[in-house]
Amino acid sequence: MEVGLFSLLFSSFVHLFLSSRRELCMYIYIYIW
């Protein structure tokens, strides 16, 4: 049960990281430009 909970938390974290990285790259690109 802990492993399933951990994998669920990890997958949600990865999803959040990928979606936030998209905006982060956009902000960095605008900041550099």
N, C-alpha and C. Protein backbone atom coordinates (compact mmCIF):
# COMPACT_ATOMS: atom_id res chain seq x y z
N MET A 1 0.84 -1.20 0.00
CA MET A 1 0.00 0.00 0.00
C MET A 1 0.88 1.25 0.00
N GLU A 2 1.95 1.24 0.78
CA GLU A 2 2.84 2.41 0.82
C GLU A 2 3.50 2.62 -0.54
N VAL A 3 3.86 1.52 -1.20
CA VAL A 3 4.52 1.62 -2.50
C VAL A 3 3.58 2.26 -3.52
N GLY A 4 2.30 1.86 -3.49
CA GLY A 4 1.31 2.42 -4.41
C GLY A 4 1.11 3.90 -4.14
N LEU A 5 1.05 4.26 -2.86
CA LEU A 5 0.87 5.66 -2.48
C LEU A 5 2.09 6.47 -2.92
N PHE A 6 3.27 5.90 -2.73
CA PHE A 6 4.50 6.59 -3.11
C PHE A 6 4.57 6.79 -4.62
N SER A 7 4.19 5.76 -5.39
CA SER A 7 4.24 5.87 -6.86
C SER A 7 3.22 6.89 -7.35
N LEU A 8 2.06 6.95 -6.68
CA LEU A 8 1.03 7.92 -7.05
C LEU A 8 1.53 9.34 -6.78
N LEU A 9 2.15 9.53 -5.62
CA LEU A 9 2.70 10.83 -5.26
C LEU A 9 3.82 11.22 -6.22
N PHE A 10 4.66 10.26 -6.56
CA PHE A 10 5.78 10.50 -7.46
C PHE A 10 5.30 10.88 -8.85
N SER A 11 4.27 10.16 -9.35
CA SER A 11 3.74 10.44 -10.69
C SER A 11 3.09 11.82 -10.74
N SER A 12 2.39 12.18 -9.65
CA SER A 12 1.75 13.50 -9.61
C SER A 12 2.82 14.59 -9.53
N PHE A 13 3.91 14.32 -8.82
CA PHE A 13 5.01 15.27 -8.70
C PHE A 13 5.68 15.47 -10.06
N VAL A 14 5.89 14.37 -10.78
CA VAL A 14 6.51 14.43 -12.11
C VAL A 14 5.62 15.23 -13.06
N HIS A 15 4.30 14.98 -12.99
CA HIS A 15 3.35 15.69 -13.85
C HIS A 15 3.39 17.18 -13.54
N LEU A 16 3.43 17.53 -12.26
CA LEU A 16 3.48 18.92 -11.84
C LEU A 16 4.79 19.56 -12.29
N PHE A 17 5.89 18.80 -12.16
CA PHE A 17 7.20 19.31 -12.55
C PHE A 17 7.26 19.59 -14.04
N LEU A 18 6.71 18.66 -14.85
CA LEU A 18 6.73 18.83 -16.30
C LEU A 18 5.87 20.02 -16.72
N SER A 19 4.69 20.15 -16.12
CA SER A 19 3.80 21.26 -16.49
C SER A 19 4.37 22.60 -16.03
N SER A 20 5.04 22.60 -14.87
CA SER A 20 5.60 23.85 -14.36
C SER A 20 6.90 24.19 -15.11
N ARG A 21 7.62 23.15 -15.55
CA ARG A 21 8.85 23.37 -16.29
C ARG A 21 8.54 24.06 -17.61
N ARG A 22 7.40 23.74 -18.19
CA ARG A 22 6.99 24.36 -19.45
C ARG A 22 6.85 25.87 -19.26
N GLU A 23 6.18 26.29 -18.19
CA GLU A 23 6.00 27.71 -17.91
C GLU A 23 7.34 28.33 -17.50
N LEU A 24 8.14 27.56 -16.75
CA LEU A 24 9.43 28.06 -16.29
C LEU A 24 10.35 28.34 -17.47
N CYS A 25 10.37 27.45 -18.46
CA CYS A 25 11.20 27.66 -19.65
C CYS A 25 10.73 28.90 -20.39
N MET A 26 9.41 29.11 -20.42
CA MET A 26 8.86 30.27 -21.10
C MET A 26 9.30 31.55 -20.39
N TYR A 27 9.24 31.53 -19.06
CA TYR A 27 9.67 32.71 -18.28
C TYR A 27 11.16 32.97 -18.47
N ILE A 28 11.96 31.91 -18.46
CA ILE A 28 13.41 32.06 -18.64
C ILE A 28 13.71 32.62 -20.03
N TYR A 29 12.98 32.10 -21.04
CA TYR A 29 13.19 32.56 -22.41
C TYR A 29 12.85 34.04 -22.53
N ILE A 30 11.73 34.46 -21.93
CA ILE A 30 11.32 35.87 -21.96
C ILE A 30 12.33 36.72 -21.20
N TYR A 31 12.81 36.20 -20.06
CA TYR A 31 13.76 36.96 -19.24
C TYR A 31 15.08 37.16 -19.98
N ILE A 32 15.56 36.12 -20.65
CA ILE A 32 16.82 36.21 -21.39
C ILE A 32 16.65 37.13 -22.60
N TRP A 33 15.51 37.00 -23.28
CA TRP A 33 15.26 37.79 -24.47
C TRP A 33 15.06 39.26 -24.10
